[in-house]
Amino acid sequence: MNSDLTMQVVAMNSSKLQTSMQVAVFKKAHEMQTDLLETLMQTALSAPPPGQGAKVNKLA
């Protein structure tokens, strides 16, 4: 009887640890994706360097 209860407690603790690790990994992945998108949006919305786009190169 005691071993059954002990095994249940161990299984619950293991499950809780696994769930918390999955949540931590998910949060970190989301944070990394958000940082990447923020970096890409800053680059996309910034003004082009001086002289770029001043003339159209029709030979290109």
Protein backbone atom coordinates (compact mmCIF):
# COMPACT_ATOMS: atom_id res chain seq x y z
CA MET A 1 0.00 0.00 0.00
CA ASN A 2 2.77 2.44 0.92
CA SER A 3 4.74 1.63 -2.21
CA ASP A 4 1.68 2.30 -4.39
CA LEU A 5 1.22 5.71 -2.81
CA THR A 6 4.93 6.43 -3.13
CA MET A 7 4.91 5.44 -6.79
CA GLN A 8 1.92 7.72 -7.42
CA VAL A 9 3.68 10.65 -5.75
CA VAL A 10 6.85 10.01 -7.75
CA ALA A 11 4.84 9.79 -10.98
CA MET A 12 3.00 13.03 -10.18
CA ASN A 13 6.24 14.86 -9.42
CA SER A 14 7.79 13.56 -12.63
CA SER A 15 4.78 14.65 -14.63
CA LYS A 16 4.82 18.08 -13.01
CA LEU A 17 8.52 18.50 -13.79
CA GLN A 18 8.03 17.43 -17.40
CA THR A 19 5.12 19.85 -17.84
CA SER A 20 7.05 22.75 -16.33
CA MET A 21 10.02 22.01 -18.60
CA GLN A 22 7.75 21.95 -21.65
CA VAL A 23 6.27 25.31 -20.64
CA ALA A 24 9.75 26.77 -20.13
CA VAL A 25 10.93 25.56 -23.56
CA PHE A 26 7.77 26.90 -25.20
CA LYS A 27 8.18 30.31 -23.54
CA LYS A 28 11.85 30.51 -24.60
CA ALA A 29 11.00 29.56 -28.20
CA HIS A 30 8.27 32.20 -28.27
CA GLU A 31 10.66 34.81 -26.86
CA MET A 32 13.28 33.96 -29.50
CA GLN A 33 10.73 34.18 -32.32
CA THR A 34 9.48 37.53 -31.02
CA ASP A 35 13.05 38.88 -30.88
CA LEU A 36 13.72 37.67 -34.43
CA LEU A 37 10.54 39.28 -35.76
CA GLU A 38 11.36 42.53 -33.96
CA THR A 39 14.84 42.57 -35.50
CA LEU A 40 13.48 41.84 -38.98
CA MET A 41 10.82 44.53 -38.68
CA GLN A 42 13.38 47.13 -37.60
CA THR A 43 15.50 46.30 -40.64
CA ALA A 44 12.51 46.30 -43.00
CA LEU A 45 11.15 49.62 -41.75
CA SER A 46 14.46 51.50 -41.62
CA ALA A 47 15.29 54.06 -44.32
CA PRO A 48 17.58 52.90 -47.14
CA PRO A 49 21.19 54.12 -47.11
CA PRO A 50 21.85 57.49 -48.79
CA GLY A 51 22.05 57.18 -52.57
CA GLN A 52 20.22 53.86 -52.75
CA GLY A 53 17.15 54.08 -54.93
CA ALA A 54 18.10 57.45 -56.37
CA LYS A 55 18.44 56.07 -59.92
CA VAL A 56 16.89 53.06 -61.62
CA ASN A 57 19.46 50.75 -63.17
CA LYS A 58 17.74 49.50 -66.31
CA LEU A 59 20.65 47.20 -67.15
CA ALA A 60 20.08 45.06 -64.08
